[in-house]
Amino acid sequence: MSLKHVHIIFIIASMIISVWFGIWASDYYRHEKSVLYFALAALSFTAFAGLILYLRYFINKYRSKLS
C-alpha cells in the first residue's frame, strides 16, 4: 500500500471522526444548551466539509499524475 493510499485512508478516518464528534456535540447541545457545544458541533461539521473538499482535491491531483 502506497503512502498516497494511506493518506486517503487517514482523510476518510478523520471525516468519520469529525462527523461522529459533531453529532455528539449537537446532541449534547440539545440537552445542555451551552454555546460551547454548539460551537464544537459547528466547527466539527465545518471540518467535515473541508475534509470532503480536500479529499476531492487530493484524489484529482493523484489521478492527474497517473495520466
PDB file of N, CA and C in Angstrom:
ATOM      1  N   MET A   1       0.859  -1.177   0.000  1.00  0.00           N
ATOM      2  CA  MET A   1       0.000   0.000   0.000  1.00  0.00           C
ATOM      3  C   MET A   1       0.900   1.233   0.000  1.00  0.00           C
ATOM      4  N   SER A   2       0.640   2.126  -0.919  1.00  0.00           N
ATOM      5  CA  SER A   2       1.484   3.305  -1.048  1.00  0.00           C
ATOM      6  C   SER A   2       1.094   4.371  -0.012  1.00  0.00           C
ATOM      7  N   LEU A   3       1.957   5.335   0.114  1.00  0.00           N
ATOM      8  CA  LEU A   3       1.725   6.430   1.050  1.00  0.00           C
ATOM      9  C   LEU A   3       0.485   7.237   0.657  1.00  0.00           C
ATOM     10  N   LYS A   4       0.210   7.316  -0.626  1.00  0.00           N
ATOM     11  CA  LYS A   4      -0.976   8.048  -1.096  1.00  0.00           C
ATOM     12  C   LYS A   4      -2.252   7.360  -0.633  1.00  0.00           C
ATOM     13  N   HIS A   5      -2.264   6.035  -0.666  1.00  0.00           N
ATOM     14  CA  HIS A   5      -3.434   5.298  -0.200  1.00  0.00           C
ATOM     15  C   HIS A   5      -3.620   5.457   1.311  1.00  0.00           C
ATOM     16  N   VAL A   6      -2.533   5.425   2.033  1.00  0.00           N
ATOM     17  CA  VAL A   6      -2.604   5.625   3.480  1.00  0.00           C
ATOM     18  C   VAL A   6      -3.133   7.024   3.791  1.00  0.00           C
ATOM     19  N   HIS A   7      -2.722   8.003   3.020  1.00  0.00           N
ATOM     20  CA  HIS A   7      -3.189   9.375   3.206  1.00  0.00           C
ATOM     21  C   HIS A   7      -4.700   9.461   2.987  1.00  0.00           C
ATOM     22  N   ILE A   8      -5.191   8.794   1.960  1.00  0.00           N
ATOM     23  CA  ILE A   8      -6.634   8.782   1.697  1.00  0.00           C
ATOM     24  C   ILE A   8      -7.378   8.102   2.832  1.00  0.00           C
ATOM     25  N   ILE A   9      -6.838   7.008   3.349  1.00  0.00           N
ATOM     26  CA  ILE A   9      -7.475   6.311   4.472  1.00  0.00           C
ATOM     27  C   ILE A   9      -7.546   7.216   5.697  1.00  0.00           C
ATOM     28  N   PHE A  10      -6.470   7.946   5.975  1.00  0.00           N
ATOM     29  CA  PHE A  10      -6.480   8.858   7.124  1.00  0.00           C
ATOM     30  C   PHE A  10      -7.450  10.019   6.939  1.00  0.00           C
ATOM     31  N   ILE A  11      -7.599  10.500   5.732  1.00  0.00           N
ATOM     32  CA  ILE A  11      -8.577  11.567   5.469  1.00  0.00           C
ATOM     33  C   ILE A  11      -9.984  11.048   5.741  1.00  0.00           C
ATOM     34  N   ILE A  12     -10.287   9.844   5.254  1.00  0.00           N
ATOM     35  CA  ILE A  12     -11.613   9.265   5.462  1.00  0.00           C
ATOM     36  C   ILE A  12     -11.856   9.001   6.944  1.00  0.00           C
ATOM     37  N   ALA A  13     -10.837   8.508   7.651  1.00  0.00           N
ATOM     38  CA  ALA A  13     -10.978   8.288   9.096  1.00  0.00           C
ATOM     39  C   ALA A  13     -11.233   9.610   9.818  1.00  0.00           C
ATOM     40  N   SER A  14     -10.564  10.663   9.406  1.00  0.00           N
ATOM     41  CA  SER A  14     -10.777  11.977  10.015  1.00  0.00           C
ATOM     42  C   SER A  14     -12.181  12.489   9.734  1.00  0.00           C
ATOM     43  N   MET A  15     -12.699  12.193   8.544  1.00  0.00           N
ATOM     44  CA  MET A  15     -14.065  12.587   8.213  1.00  0.00           C
ATOM     45  C   MET A  15     -15.073  11.877   9.121  1.00  0.00           C
ATOM     46  N   ILE A  16     -14.860  10.589   9.332  1.00  0.00           N
ATOM     47  CA  ILE A  16     -15.762   9.816  10.193  1.00  0.00           C
ATOM     48  C   ILE A  16     -15.718  10.344  11.621  1.00  0.00           C
ATOM     49  N   ILE A  17     -14.528  10.625  12.118  1.00  0.00           N
ATOM     50  CA  ILE A  17     -14.388  11.131  13.485  1.00  0.00           C
ATOM     51  C   ILE A  17     -15.021  12.508  13.624  1.00  0.00           C
ATOM     52  N   SER A  18     -14.848  13.369  12.629  1.00  0.00           N
ATOM     53  CA  SER A  18     -15.424  14.714  12.740  1.00  0.00           C
ATOM     54  C   SER A  18     -16.949  14.672  12.696  1.00  0.00           C
ATOM     55  N   VAL A  19     -17.529  13.779  11.886  1.00  0.00           N
ATOM     56  CA  VAL A  19     -18.987  13.655  11.868  1.00  0.00           C
ATOM     57  C   VAL A  19     -19.485  13.103  13.203  1.00  0.00           C
ATOM     58  N   TRP A  20     -18.807  12.073  13.703  1.00  0.00           N
ATOM     59  CA  TRP A  20     -19.201  11.500  14.994  1.00  0.00           C
ATOM     60  C   TRP A  20     -19.136  12.558  16.099  1.00  0.00           C
ATOM     61  N   PHE A  21     -18.064  13.317  16.130  1.00  0.00           N
ATOM     62  CA  PHE A  21     -17.915  14.338  17.161  1.00  0.00           C
ATOM     63  C   PHE A  21     -18.962  15.438  16.998  1.00  0.00           C
ATOM     64  N   GLY A  22     -19.276  15.805  15.767  1.00  0.00           N
ATOM     65  CA  GLY A  22     -20.304  16.814  15.520  1.00  0.00           C
ATOM     66  C   GLY A  22     -21.674  16.349  15.974  1.00  0.00           C
ATOM     67  N   ILE A  23     -21.992  15.086  15.725  1.00  0.00           N
ATOM     68  CA  ILE A  23     -23.265  14.539  16.186  1.00  0.00           C
ATOM     69  C   ILE A  23     -23.305  14.499  17.713  1.00  0.00           C
ATOM     70  N   TRP A  24     -22.204  14.073  18.320  1.00  0.00           N
ATOM     71  CA  TRP A  24     -22.140  14.039  19.779  1.00  0.00           C
ATOM     72  C   TRP A  24     -22.317  15.441  20.366  1.00  0.00           C
ATOM     73  N   ALA A  25     -21.622  16.415  19.819  1.00  0.00           N
ATOM     74  CA  ALA A  25     -21.688  17.783  20.350  1.00  0.00           C
ATOM     75  C   ALA A  25     -23.069  18.389  20.144  1.00  0.00           C
ATOM     76  N   SER A  26     -23.692  18.121  19.003  1.00  0.00           N
ATOM     77  CA  SER A  26     -25.031  18.672  18.781  1.00  0.00           C
ATOM     78  C   SER A  26     -26.064  18.003  19.679  1.00  0.00           C
ATOM     79  N   ASP A  27     -25.894  16.710  19.940  1.00  0.00           N
ATOM     80  CA  ASP A  27     -26.791  16.032  20.868  1.00  0.00           C
ATOM     81  C   ASP A  27     -26.610  16.571  22.287  1.00  0.00           C
ATOM     82  N   TYR A  28     -25.367  16.795  22.669  1.00  0.00           N
ATOM     83  CA  TYR A  28     -25.098  17.347  23.993  1.00  0.00           C
ATOM     84  C   TYR A  28     -25.622  18.786  24.095  1.00  0.00           C
ATOM     85  N   TYR A  29     -25.568  19.516  22.995  1.00  0.00           N
ATOM     86  CA  TYR A  29     -26.105  20.884  22.975  1.00  0.00           C
ATOM     87  C   TYR A  29     -27.609  20.880  23.218  1.00  0.00           C
ATOM     88  N   ARG A  30     -28.308  19.900  22.654  1.00  0.00           N
ATOM     89  CA  ARG A  30     -29.757  19.826  22.861  1.00  0.00           C
ATOM     90  C   ARG A  30     -30.106  19.625  24.333  1.00  0.00           C
ATOM     91  N   HIS A  31     -29.241  18.945  25.075  1.00  0.00           N
ATOM     92  CA  HIS A  31     -29.507  18.700  26.491  1.00  0.00           C
ATOM     93  C   HIS A  31     -29.017  19.827  27.395  1.00  0.00           C
ATOM     94  N   GLU A  32     -27.855  20.368  27.102  1.00  0.00           N
ATOM     95  CA  GLU A  32     -27.223  21.356  27.977  1.00  0.00           C
ATOM     96  C   GLU A  32     -27.484  22.802  27.576  1.00  0.00           C
ATOM     97  N   LYS A  33     -27.774  23.055  26.313  1.00  0.00           N
ATOM     98  CA  LYS A  33     -27.987  24.410  25.783  1.00  0.00           C
ATOM     99  C   LYS A  33     -26.790  25.326  26.022  1.00  0.00           C
ATOM    100  N   SER A  34     -25.603  24.773  25.934  1.00  0.00           N
ATOM    101  CA  SER A  34     -24.382  25.552  26.101  1.00  0.00           C
ATOM    102  C   SER A  34     -23.852  25.967  24.725  1.00  0.00           C
ATOM    103  N   VAL A  35     -23.427  27.202  24.622  1.00  0.00           N
ATOM    104  CA  VAL A  35     -22.901  27.712  23.360  1.00  0.00           C
ATOM    105  C   VAL A  35     -21.626  26.968  22.959  1.00  0.00           C
ATOM    106  N   LEU A  36     -20.891  26.494  23.945  1.00  0.00           N
ATOM    107  CA  LEU A  36     -19.659  25.756  23.664  1.00  0.00           C
ATOM    108  C   LEU A  36     -19.939  24.532  22.798  1.00  0.00           C
ATOM    109  N   TYR A  37     -20.954  23.767  23.132  1.00  0.00           N
ATOM    110  CA  TYR A  37     -21.267  22.561  22.369  1.00  0.00           C
ATOM    111  C   TYR A  37     -21.799  22.893  20.977  1.00  0.00           C
ATOM    112  N   PHE A  38     -22.514  23.990  20.874  1.00  0.00           N
ATOM    113  CA  PHE A  38     -22.961  24.437  19.553  1.00  0.00           C
ATOM    114  C   PHE A  38     -21.762  24.801  18.686  1.00  0.00           C
ATOM    115  N   ALA A  39     -20.813  25.519  19.275  1.00  0.00           N
ATOM    116  CA  ALA A  39     -19.611  25.909  18.532  1.00  0.00           C
ATOM    117  C   ALA A  39     -18.787  24.685  18.142  1.00  0.00           C
ATOM    118  N   LEU A  40     -18.682  23.714  19.045  1.00  0.00           N
ATOM    119  CA  LEU A  40     -17.941  22.495  18.730  1.00  0.00           C
ATOM    120  C   LEU A  40     -18.600  21.728  17.590  1.00  0.00           C
ATOM    121  N   ALA A  41     -19.927  21.661  17.608  1.00  0.00           N
ATOM    122  CA  ALA A  41     -20.648  20.968  16.537  1.00  0.00           C
ATOM    123  C   ALA A  41     -20.443  21.702  15.211  1.00  0.00           C
ATOM    124  N   ALA A  42     -20.557  23.020  15.233  1.00  0.00           N
ATOM    125  CA  ALA A  42     -20.380  23.795  14.007  1.00  0.00           C
ATOM    126  C   ALA A  42     -18.961  23.639  13.459  1.00  0.00           C
ATOM    127  N   LEU A  43     -17.970  23.707  14.318  1.00  0.00           N
ATOM    128  CA  LEU A  43     -16.583  23.538  13.869  1.00  0.00           C
ATOM    129  C   LEU A  43     -16.335  22.138  13.332  1.00  0.00           C
ATOM    130  N   SER A  44     -16.933  21.152  13.962  1.00  0.00           N
ATOM    131  CA  SER A  44     -16.750  19.784  13.525  1.00  0.00           C
ATOM    132  C   SER A  44     -17.362  19.547  12.145  1.00  0.00           C
ATOM    133  N   PHE A  45     -18.574  20.069  11.923  1.00  0.00           N
ATOM    134  CA  PHE A  45     -19.200  19.906  10.613  1.00  0.00           C
ATOM    135  C   PHE A  45     -18.490  20.739   9.547  1.00  0.00           C
ATOM    136  N   THR A  46     -17.933  21.864   9.944  1.00  0.00           N
ATOM    137  CA  THR A  46     -17.129  22.660   9.014  1.00  0.00           C
ATOM    138  C   THR A  46     -15.851  21.916   8.639  1.00  0.00           C
ATOM    139  N   ALA A  47     -15.238  21.277   9.621  1.00  0.00           N
ATOM    140  CA  ALA A  47     -14.049  20.469   9.336  1.00  0.00           C
ATOM    141  C   ALA A  47     -14.393  19.313   8.407  1.00  0.00           C
ATOM    142  N   PHE A  48     -15.556  18.710   8.604  1.00  0.00           N
ATOM    143  CA  PHE A  48     -16.000  17.636   7.718  1.00  0.00           C
ATOM    144  C   PHE A  48     -16.135  18.128   6.280  1.00  0.00           C
ATOM    145  N   ALA A  49     -16.739  19.292   6.112  1.00  0.00           N
ATOM    146  CA  ALA A  49     -16.887  19.862   4.765  1.00  0.00           C
ATOM    147  C   ALA A  49     -15.518  20.161   4.154  1.00  0.00           C
ATOM    148  N   GLY A  50     -14.612  20.691   4.959  1.00  0.00           N
ATOM    149  CA  GLY A  50     -13.258  20.958   4.470  1.00  0.00           C
ATOM    150  C   GLY A  50     -12.523  19.683   4.090  1.00  0.00           C
ATOM    151  N   LEU A  51     -12.734  18.624   4.863  1.00  0.00           N
ATOM    152  CA  LEU A  51     -12.090  17.353   4.535  1.00  0.00           C
ATOM    153  C   LEU A  51     -12.651  16.746   3.250  1.00  0.00           C
ATOM    154  N   ILE A  52     -13.943  16.951   3.000  1.00  0.00           N
ATOM    155  CA  ILE A  52     -14.515  16.488   1.734  1.00  0.00           C
ATOM    156  C   ILE A  52     -13.833  17.198   0.567  1.00  0.00           C
ATOM    157  N   LEU A  53     -13.697  18.512   0.681  1.00  0.00           N
ATOM    158  CA  LEU A  53     -13.043  19.275  -0.389  1.00  0.00           C
ATOM    159  C   LEU A  53     -11.587  18.859  -0.559  1.00  0.00           C
ATOM    160  N   TYR A  54     -10.904  18.634   0.555  1.00  0.00           N
ATOM    161  CA  TYR A  54      -9.501  18.233   0.491  1.00  0.00           C
ATOM    162  C   TYR A  54      -9.364  16.840  -0.124  1.00  0.00           C
ATOM    163  N   LEU A  55     -10.268  15.929   0.218  1.00  0.00           N
ATOM    164  CA  LEU A  55     -10.212  14.587  -0.356  1.00  0.00           C
ATOM    165  C   LEU A  55     -10.430  14.639  -1.864  1.00  0.00           C
ATOM    166  N   ARG A  56     -11.399  15.440  -2.314  1.00  0.00           N
ATOM    167  CA  ARG A  56     -11.634  15.585  -3.754  1.00  0.00           C
ATOM    168  C   ARG A  56     -10.400  16.169  -4.451  1.00  0.00           C
ATOM    169  N   TYR A  57      -9.792  17.193  -3.828  1.00  0.00           N
ATOM    170  CA  TYR A  57      -8.587  17.806  -4.389  1.00  0.00           C
ATOM    171  C   TYR A  57      -7.450  16.785  -4.470  1.00  0.00           C
ATOM    172  N   PHE A  58      -7.265  16.031  -3.399  1.00  0.00           N
ATOM    173  CA  PHE A  58      -6.162  15.074  -3.351  1.00  0.00           C
ATOM    174  C   PHE A  58      -6.353  13.958  -4.375  1.00  0.00           C
ATOM    175  N   ILE A  59      -7.574  13.446  -4.501  1.00  0.00           N
ATOM    176  CA  ILE A  59      -7.834  12.379  -5.469  1.00  0.00           C
ATOM    177  C   ILE A  59      -7.651  12.899  -6.893  1.00  0.00           C
ATOM    178  N   ASN A  60      -8.137  14.099  -7.181  1.00  0.00           N
ATOM    179  CA  ASN A  60      -7.945  14.668  -8.522  1.00  0.00           C
ATOM    180  C   ASN A  60      -6.469  14.891  -8.827  1.00  0.00           C
ATOM    181  N   LYS A  61      -5.728  15.355  -7.856  1.00  0.00           N
ATOM    182  CA  LYS A  61      -4.293  15.561  -8.037  1.00  0.00           C
ATOM    183  C   LYS A  61      -3.588  14.226  -8.265  1.00  0.00           C
ATOM    184  N   TYR A  62      -3.994  13.212  -7.519  1.00  0.00           N
ATOM    185  CA  TYR A  62      -3.396  11.882  -7.651  1.00  0.00           C
ATOM    186  C   TYR A  62      -3.717  11.282  -9.021  1.00  0.00           C
ATOM    187  N   ARG A  63      -4.942  11.454  -9.486  1.00  0.00           N
ATOM    188  CA  ARG A  63      -5.337  10.929 -10.802  1.00  0.00           C
ATOM    189  C   ARG A  63      -4.625  11.654 -11.937  1.00  0.00           C
ATOM    190  N   SER A  64      -4.445  12.950 -11.801  1.00  0.00           N
ATOM    191  CA  SER A  64      -3.773  13.710 -12.868  1.00  0.00           C
ATOM    192  C   SER A  64      -2.315  13.293 -12.995  1.00  0.00           C
ATOM    193  N   LYS A  65      -1.691  12.873 -11.913  1.00  0.00           N
ATOM    194  CA  LYS A  65      -0.315  12.434 -12.001  1.00  0.00           C
ATOM    195  C   LYS A  65      -0.187  11.038 -12.586  1.00  0.00           C
ATOM    196  N   LEU A  66      -1.274  10.254 -12.513  1.00  0.00           N
ATOM    197  CA  LEU A  66      -1.254   8.933 -13.116  1.00  0.00           C
ATOM    198  C   LEU A  66      -1.379   8.998 -14.628  1.00  0.00           C
ATOM    199  N   SER A  67      -2.053  10.035 -15.124  1.00  0.00           N
ATOM    200  CA  SER A  67      -2.289  10.146 -16.578  1.00  0.00           C
ATOM    201  C   SER A  67      -1.074  10.676 -17.308  1.00  0.00           C
TER     202      SER A  67
END
